[in-house]
């Protein structure tokens, strides 16, 4: 009897979510408004390789190696990772850090006209620190930067796909 009630509640929850228009965001559902793009990041850059992978998966946009052959040029103006002290304990030792990932870019067409002016994306994460777990905290910091990088790629793709309506 309880099992049937649990199934009924689960079914009601699923029907309610589907009726309200809830939909999981897809991994690469963005369509870019141009057929070719040049990305001003190094081929061996982790951010560049992830961005290229998502663009290839997003549709029929081709990544070219020649700026002049591309309909759009993504120019990276700056990419910066920072770590700032957020709080100290009563002995004056660091208790928390704030991690920043700052990315500034613009998009131009093949004629050099700006499609998107200089755009700044700043991501921020807080991380606790413990002197007795230095190695674990360093690994956690690296994981947070990778997560911020993935978030940054998604934001760049959303902004590039929004150029189509402009």
Protein backbone atom coordinates (compact mmCIF):
# COMPACT_ATOMS: atom_id res chain seq x y z
CA UNK A 1 0.00 0.00 0.00
CA UNK A 2 2.78 2.42 0.93
CA UNK A 3 4.62 1.54 -2.26
CA UNK A 4 1.58 2.47 -4.33
CA UNK A 5 1.28 5.80 -2.53
CA UNK A 6 4.98 6.51 -3.14
CA UNK A 7 4.56 5.70 -6.85
CA UNK A 8 1.49 7.93 -7.02
CA UNK A 9 3.38 10.86 -5.47
CA UNK A 10 6.31 10.32 -7.83
CA UNK A 11 3.96 10.24 -10.80
CA UNK A 12 2.24 13.43 -9.64
CA UNK A 13 5.63 15.14 -9.23
CA UNK A 14 6.75 14.11 -12.72
CA UNK A 15 3.46 15.23 -14.28
CA UNK A 16 3.62 18.57 -12.44
CA UNK A 17 7.18 19.23 -13.64
CA UNK A 18 6.39 18.30 -17.22
CA UNK A 19 3.22 20.41 -17.23
CA UNK A 20 5.04 23.55 -16.07
CA UNK A 21 7.50 23.41 -18.98
CA UNK A 22 10.50 22.24 -16.96
CA UNK A 23 13.29 20.96 -19.18
CA UNK A 24 16.89 20.08 -18.39
CA UNK A 25 19.40 22.31 -20.10
CA UNK A 26 21.15 20.37 -22.83
CA UNK A 27 24.93 20.10 -23.01
CA UNK A 28 25.27 21.68 -26.41
CA UNK A 29 21.94 22.94 -27.65
CA UNK A 30 23.26 26.29 -28.84
CA UNK A 31 23.29 27.06 -32.54
CA UNK A 32 25.86 29.65 -33.54
CA UNK A 33 24.77 32.27 -36.09
CA UNK A 34 27.86 31.93 -38.31
CA UNK A 35 29.31 29.13 -40.38
CA UNK A 36 32.96 29.57 -39.42
CA UNK A 37 34.80 30.96 -36.43
CA UNK A 38 38.41 31.62 -35.47
CA UNK A 39 39.23 31.22 -31.78
CA UNK A 40 42.14 33.29 -30.49
CA UNK A 41 43.24 30.73 -27.92
CA UNK A 42 46.17 28.35 -28.17
CA UNK A 43 45.40 24.82 -29.34
CA UNK A 44 46.88 23.35 -26.16
CA UNK A 45 44.97 25.73 -23.87
CA UNK A 46 42.46 23.84 -21.68
CA UNK A 47 39.90 26.61 -22.19
CA UNK A 48 40.51 26.69 -25.93
CA UNK A 49 40.19 22.92 -26.36
CA UNK A 50 36.97 22.78 -24.33
CA UNK A 51 35.49 25.71 -26.26
CA UNK A 52 36.43 24.09 -29.57
CA UNK A 53 34.89 20.80 -28.49
CA UNK A 54 31.57 22.46 -27.59
CA UNK A 55 31.49 24.50 -30.81
CA UNK A 56 32.09 21.37 -32.90
CA UNK A 57 29.27 19.61 -31.05
CA UNK A 58 26.88 22.57 -31.28
CA UNK A 59 26.06 22.29 -34.95
CA UNK A 60 27.48 23.14 -38.33
CA UNK A 61 29.92 25.87 -37.29
CA UNK A 62 33.46 25.12 -38.49
CA UNK A 63 36.55 26.21 -36.55
CA UNK A 64 39.17 27.63 -38.91
CA UNK A 65 42.85 28.40 -38.34
CA UNK A 66 42.95 31.51 -40.55
CA UNK A 67 41.39 34.69 -39.16
CA UNK A 68 40.62 36.06 -42.60
CA UNK A 69 38.69 32.95 -43.64
CA UNK A 70 36.35 33.10 -40.62
CA UNK A 71 32.98 34.82 -40.48
CA UNK A 72 33.62 35.55 -36.79
CA UNK A 73 36.85 36.06 -34.84
CA UNK A 74 36.82 35.53 -31.10
CA UNK A 75 39.66 37.69 -29.76
CA UNK A 76 40.82 37.02 -26.23
CA UNK A 77 41.83 40.29 -24.59
CA UNK A 78 42.71 38.80 -21.20
CA UNK A 79 42.36 35.62 -19.18
CA UNK A 80 43.26 35.80 -15.50
CA UNK A 81 43.02 33.53 -12.49
CA UNK A 82 43.31 35.16 -9.07
CA UNK A 83 43.21 34.01 -5.48
CA UNK A 84 42.37 36.50 -2.72
CA UNK A 85 42.09 36.10 1.04
CA UNK A 86 38.47 36.17 2.14
CA UNK A 87 38.77 35.69 5.91
CA UNK A 88 41.29 35.07 8.67
CA UNK A 89 40.96 33.12 11.91
CA UNK A 90 41.70 34.50 15.39
CA UNK A 91 45.44 33.70 15.00
CA UNK A 92 45.67 35.69 11.78
CA UNK A 93 45.88 32.64 9.53
CA UNK A 94 43.89 32.26 6.35
CA UNK A 95 40.56 30.51 6.81
CA UNK A 96 38.94 31.16 3.42
CA UNK A 97 40.00 32.23 -0.06
CA UNK A 98 38.05 33.63 -2.98
CA UNK A 99 38.98 32.30 -6.41
CA UNK A 100 38.39 34.52 -9.42
CA UNK A 101 38.41 33.60 -13.09
CA UNK A 102 38.29 36.72 -15.27
CA UNK A 103 37.91 36.53 -19.02
CA UNK A 104 37.70 39.48 -21.41
CA UNK A 105 36.94 38.94 -25.10
CA UNK A 106 35.32 40.46 -28.15
CA UNK A 107 34.01 39.15 -31.44
CA UNK A 108 34.70 40.70 -34.83
CA UNK A 109 33.62 39.75 -38.32
CA UNK A 110 35.96 39.05 -41.23
CA UNK A 111 36.03 42.78 -42.14
CA UNK A 112 37.13 43.80 -38.65
CA UNK A 113 33.80 45.22 -37.52
CA UNK A 114 32.75 44.41 -33.97
CA UNK A 115 29.93 41.93 -33.66
CA UNK A 116 30.26 41.96 -29.88
CA UNK A 117 32.12 44.68 -27.98
CA UNK A 118 34.65 43.83 -25.28
CA UNK A 119 32.80 41.59 -22.85
CA UNK A 120 34.02 40.76 -19.37
CA UNK A 121 33.00 37.55 -17.62
CA UNK A 122 34.08 37.21 -14.01
CA UNK A 123 33.44 34.01 -12.08
CA UNK A 124 33.95 33.75 -8.34
CA UNK A 125 34.06 30.82 -5.92
CA UNK A 126 34.83 30.72 -2.20
CA UNK A 127 36.95 27.94 -0.75
CA UNK A 128 37.81 27.16 2.86
CA UNK A 129 41.40 26.50 3.83
CA UNK A 130 42.87 24.17 6.43
CA UNK A 131 46.61 23.97 7.08
CA UNK A 132 46.40 20.28 7.98
CA UNK A 133 44.84 19.43 4.58
CA UNK A 134 46.99 21.43 2.18
CA UNK A 135 47.14 18.79 -0.57
CA UNK A 136 43.39 18.16 -0.48
CA UNK A 137 42.66 21.89 -0.60
CA UNK A 138 44.99 22.34 -3.59
CA UNK A 139 43.13 19.58 -5.43
CA UNK A 140 39.81 21.19 -4.49
CA UNK A 141 41.08 24.52 -5.85
CA UNK A 142 42.07 22.89 -9.15
CA UNK A 143 38.65 21.24 -9.36
CA UNK A 144 36.91 24.57 -8.74
CA UNK A 145 38.95 26.23 -11.50
CA UNK A 146 38.00 23.42 -13.92
CA UNK A 147 34.34 23.87 -12.97
CA UNK A 148 34.63 27.63 -13.47
CA UNK A 149 36.23 27.01 -16.88
CA UNK A 150 33.29 24.83 -17.94
CA UNK A 151 30.87 27.48 -16.73
CA UNK A 152 32.84 30.10 -18.66
CA UNK A 153 32.63 28.05 -21.88
CA UNK A 154 28.86 27.76 -21.48
CA UNK A 155 28.53 31.52 -20.93
CA UNK A 156 30.67 32.30 -23.99
CA UNK A 157 28.56 29.96 -26.14
CA UNK A 158 25.32 31.55 -24.90
CA UNK A 159 26.63 35.01 -25.73
CA UNK A 160 27.83 33.91 -29.16
CA UNK A 161 24.48 32.32 -29.95
CA UNK A 162 22.71 35.52 -28.88
CA UNK A 163 24.46 37.39 -31.70
CA UNK A 164 21.95 35.91 -34.11
CA UNK A 165 19.11 38.03 -32.71
CA UNK A 166 21.13 41.25 -32.73
